[in-house]
Amino acid sequence: MKKDIHPDYHMIKVVMTNGETFETRSTYGKPGDTLNLDIDPTSHPAWTGGPQKLQDKGRVSQFNKKFGNFGL
């Protein structure tokens, strides 16, 4: 097995959007660094079950949107 090819795991502090903090092991930064999250499981709709925004980008739907009432 090759030496010195694995990343250095060390303890960092993670700050969530609501101010909660916890310590975990990571390869991020240097030992003792702080990782401030912009999105986390307490605020993102993917985890909280918030409203979903589905976008239809198909050509037919764009045509119908633009010219749907043209013949009326």
N, C-alpha and C. Protein backbone atom coordinates (compact mmCIF):
# COMPACT_ATOMS: atom_id res chain seq x y z
N MET A 1 0.84 -1.17 0.00
CA MET A 1 0.00 0.00 0.00
C MET A 1 0.89 1.25 0.00
N LYS A 2 0.52 2.23 -0.81
CA LYS A 2 1.32 3.45 -0.91
C LYS A 2 1.17 4.28 0.36
N LYS A 3 2.24 4.95 0.73
CA LYS A 3 2.21 5.82 1.90
C LYS A 3 1.85 7.24 1.49
N ASP A 4 1.27 7.98 2.40
CA ASP A 4 0.94 9.40 2.24
C ASP A 4 0.00 9.70 1.07
N ILE A 5 -0.91 8.79 0.73
CA ILE A 5 -1.87 9.08 -0.32
C ILE A 5 -3.27 9.35 0.24
N HIS A 6 -3.48 9.05 1.50
CA HIS A 6 -4.78 9.26 2.11
C HIS A 6 -4.89 10.66 2.68
N PRO A 7 -6.09 11.27 2.60
CA PRO A 7 -6.25 12.62 3.14
C PRO A 7 -6.14 12.63 4.67
N ASP A 8 -5.81 13.78 5.20
CA ASP A 8 -5.67 13.96 6.64
C ASP A 8 -7.05 14.26 7.24
N TYR A 9 -7.56 13.33 8.04
CA TYR A 9 -8.82 13.57 8.74
C TYR A 9 -8.51 14.24 10.06
N HIS A 10 -9.25 15.32 10.35
CA HIS A 10 -9.05 16.06 11.58
C HIS A 10 -10.40 16.62 12.04
N MET A 11 -10.45 17.14 13.24
CA MET A 11 -11.68 17.67 13.81
C MET A 11 -11.90 19.10 13.31
N ILE A 12 -13.16 19.38 12.86
CA ILE A 12 -13.56 20.74 12.49
C ILE A 12 -14.88 21.05 13.18
N LYS A 13 -15.24 22.31 13.21
CA LYS A 13 -16.50 22.76 13.79
C LYS A 13 -17.43 23.14 12.64
N VAL A 14 -18.66 22.63 12.65
CA VAL A 14 -19.65 22.93 11.63
C VAL A 14 -20.73 23.80 12.25
N VAL A 15 -21.03 24.95 11.60
CA VAL A 15 -22.06 25.87 12.07
C VAL A 15 -23.21 25.83 11.07
N MET A 16 -24.39 25.41 11.54
CA MET A 16 -25.56 25.31 10.68
C MET A 16 -26.22 26.68 10.55
N THR A 17 -27.22 26.82 9.68
CA THR A 17 -27.84 28.12 9.40
C THR A 17 -28.57 28.70 10.61
N ASN A 18 -29.05 27.86 11.50
CA ASN A 18 -29.77 28.35 12.67
C ASN A 18 -28.84 28.61 13.86
N GLY A 19 -27.53 28.45 13.66
CA GLY A 19 -26.57 28.74 14.72
C GLY A 19 -26.10 27.53 15.50
N GLU A 20 -26.75 26.39 15.33
CA GLU A 20 -26.30 25.18 16.02
C GLU A 20 -24.92 24.79 15.52
N THR A 21 -24.12 24.25 16.42
CA THR A 21 -22.77 23.82 16.04
C THR A 21 -22.53 22.39 16.49
N PHE A 22 -21.65 21.72 15.78
CA PHE A 22 -21.20 20.40 16.19
C PHE A 22 -19.81 20.17 15.63
N GLU A 23 -19.11 19.24 16.20
CA GLU A 23 -17.77 18.92 15.73
C GLU A 23 -17.80 17.56 15.04
N THR A 24 -17.03 17.45 13.98
CA THR A 24 -16.95 16.22 13.23
C THR A 24 -15.58 16.08 12.62
N ARG A 25 -15.29 14.88 12.14
CA ARG A 25 -14.02 14.67 11.45
C ARG A 25 -14.21 14.95 9.97
N SER A 26 -13.24 15.60 9.35
CA SER A 26 -13.36 15.95 7.95
C SER A 26 -11.99 16.17 7.34
N THR A 27 -11.96 16.27 6.01
CA THR A 27 -10.73 16.63 5.30
C THR A 27 -10.75 18.12 4.96
N TYR A 28 -11.80 18.84 5.33
CA TYR A 28 -11.94 20.26 5.05
C TYR A 28 -10.93 21.09 5.84
N GLY A 29 -10.23 21.97 5.17
CA GLY A 29 -9.36 22.93 5.83
C GLY A 29 -8.28 22.32 6.69
N LYS A 30 -8.02 23.03 7.79
CA LYS A 30 -7.00 22.61 8.76
C LYS A 30 -7.69 22.21 10.06
N PRO A 31 -7.00 21.51 10.93
CA PRO A 31 -7.61 21.16 12.21
C PRO A 31 -8.08 22.40 12.96
N GLY A 32 -9.32 22.36 13.45
CA GLY A 32 -9.88 23.47 14.20
C GLY A 32 -10.60 24.51 13.36
N ASP A 33 -10.61 24.37 12.03
CA ASP A 33 -11.32 25.32 11.17
C ASP A 33 -12.82 25.22 11.38
N THR A 34 -13.54 26.26 10.94
CA THR A 34 -14.99 26.31 11.06
C THR A 34 -15.61 26.30 9.67
N LEU A 35 -16.59 25.42 9.47
CA LEU A 35 -17.32 25.33 8.21
C LEU A 35 -18.71 25.89 8.44
N ASN A 36 -19.03 27.04 7.80
CA ASN A 36 -20.35 27.66 7.93
C ASN A 36 -21.21 27.20 6.77
N LEU A 37 -22.35 26.58 7.08
CA LEU A 37 -23.23 26.05 6.06
C LEU A 37 -24.22 27.11 5.59
N ASP A 38 -24.46 27.18 4.27
CA ASP A 38 -25.50 28.04 3.72
C ASP A 38 -26.82 27.29 3.63
N ILE A 39 -26.74 25.99 3.43
CA ILE A 39 -27.93 25.13 3.32
C ILE A 39 -27.70 23.93 4.22
N ASP A 40 -28.69 23.60 5.01
CA ASP A 40 -28.56 22.42 5.87
C ASP A 40 -29.92 21.73 6.01
N PRO A 41 -29.96 20.56 6.61
CA PRO A 41 -31.21 19.80 6.70
C PRO A 41 -32.32 20.50 7.48
N THR A 42 -32.02 21.51 8.29
CA THR A 42 -33.08 22.18 9.04
C THR A 42 -33.73 23.29 8.23
N SER A 43 -33.13 23.70 7.10
CA SER A 43 -33.68 24.83 6.37
C SER A 43 -34.00 24.53 4.91
N HIS A 44 -33.48 23.47 4.33
CA HIS A 44 -33.67 23.21 2.91
C HIS A 44 -34.94 22.42 2.65
N PRO A 45 -35.74 22.82 1.64
CA PRO A 45 -37.01 22.15 1.37
C PRO A 45 -36.87 20.66 1.04
N ALA A 46 -35.72 20.23 0.54
CA ALA A 46 -35.55 18.82 0.22
C ALA A 46 -35.66 17.96 1.47
N TRP A 47 -35.26 18.49 2.62
CA TRP A 47 -35.32 17.74 3.87
C TRP A 47 -36.53 18.10 4.71
N THR A 48 -37.04 19.31 4.58
CA THR A 48 -38.13 19.75 5.44
C THR A 48 -39.50 19.48 4.85
N GLY A 49 -39.55 19.07 3.56
CA GLY A 49 -40.84 18.81 2.93
C GLY A 49 -41.54 20.07 2.49
N GLY A 50 -40.78 21.12 2.25
CA GLY A 50 -41.35 22.39 1.82
C GLY A 50 -41.88 22.34 0.41
N PRO A 51 -42.32 23.49 -0.08
CA PRO A 51 -42.91 23.53 -1.43
C PRO A 51 -41.89 23.16 -2.49
N GLN A 52 -42.37 22.44 -3.49
CA GLN A 52 -41.52 22.04 -4.59
C GLN A 52 -41.83 22.90 -5.79
N LYS A 53 -40.82 23.24 -6.57
CA LYS A 53 -41.01 24.02 -7.78
C LYS A 53 -40.61 23.16 -8.96
N LEU A 54 -41.60 22.68 -9.69
CA LEU A 54 -41.34 21.89 -10.87
C LEU A 54 -41.41 22.81 -12.09
N GLN A 55 -40.41 22.73 -12.93
CA GLN A 55 -40.37 23.57 -14.11
C GLN A 55 -40.39 22.70 -15.35
N ASP A 56 -41.31 23.00 -16.26
CA ASP A 56 -41.40 22.28 -17.51
C ASP A 56 -40.67 23.11 -18.57
N LYS A 57 -39.57 22.61 -19.07
CA LYS A 57 -38.77 23.33 -20.04
C LYS A 57 -38.90 22.76 -21.45
N GLY A 58 -39.95 21.96 -21.70
CA GLY A 58 -40.12 21.33 -23.00
C GLY A 58 -40.53 22.31 -24.07
N ARG A 59 -40.21 22.00 -25.30
CA ARG A 59 -40.51 22.89 -26.43
C ARG A 59 -42.01 23.03 -26.66
N VAL A 60 -42.74 21.93 -26.52
CA VAL A 60 -44.18 21.99 -26.75
C VAL A 60 -44.85 22.88 -25.72
N SER A 61 -44.48 22.75 -24.46
CA SER A 61 -45.09 23.58 -23.43
C SER A 61 -44.72 25.05 -23.60
N GLN A 62 -43.52 25.32 -24.08
CA GLN A 62 -43.14 26.72 -24.35
C GLN A 62 -43.96 27.28 -25.51
N PHE A 63 -44.16 26.47 -26.56
CA PHE A 63 -44.97 26.90 -27.69
C PHE A 63 -46.41 27.17 -27.26
N ASN A 64 -46.98 26.24 -26.50
CA ASN A 64 -48.37 26.41 -26.04
C ASN A 64 -48.51 27.62 -25.14
N LYS A 65 -47.53 27.89 -24.35
CA LYS A 65 -47.57 29.06 -23.47
C LYS A 65 -47.55 30.35 -24.29
N LYS A 66 -46.75 30.34 -25.33
CA LYS A 66 -46.58 31.55 -26.14
C LYS A 66 -47.76 31.75 -27.11
N PHE A 67 -48.23 30.68 -27.74
CA PHE A 67 -49.23 30.78 -28.78
C PHE A 67 -50.53 30.06 -28.45
N GLY A 68 -50.77 29.70 -27.22
CA GLY A 68 -51.94 28.91 -26.84
C GLY A 68 -53.27 29.58 -27.15
N ASN A 69 -53.36 30.89 -27.00
CA ASN A 69 -54.62 31.60 -27.22
C ASN A 69 -54.65 32.29 -28.57
N PHE A 70 -53.75 31.98 -29.46
CA PHE A 70 -53.62 32.67 -30.75
C PHE A 70 -54.83 32.43 -31.67
N GLY A 71 -55.32 31.21 -31.72
CA GLY A 71 -56.40 30.86 -32.64
C GLY A 71 -57.78 31.15 -32.11
N LEU A 72 -57.93 31.63 -30.91
CA LEU A 72 -59.27 31.85 -30.33
C LEU A 72 -59.87 33.17 -30.71
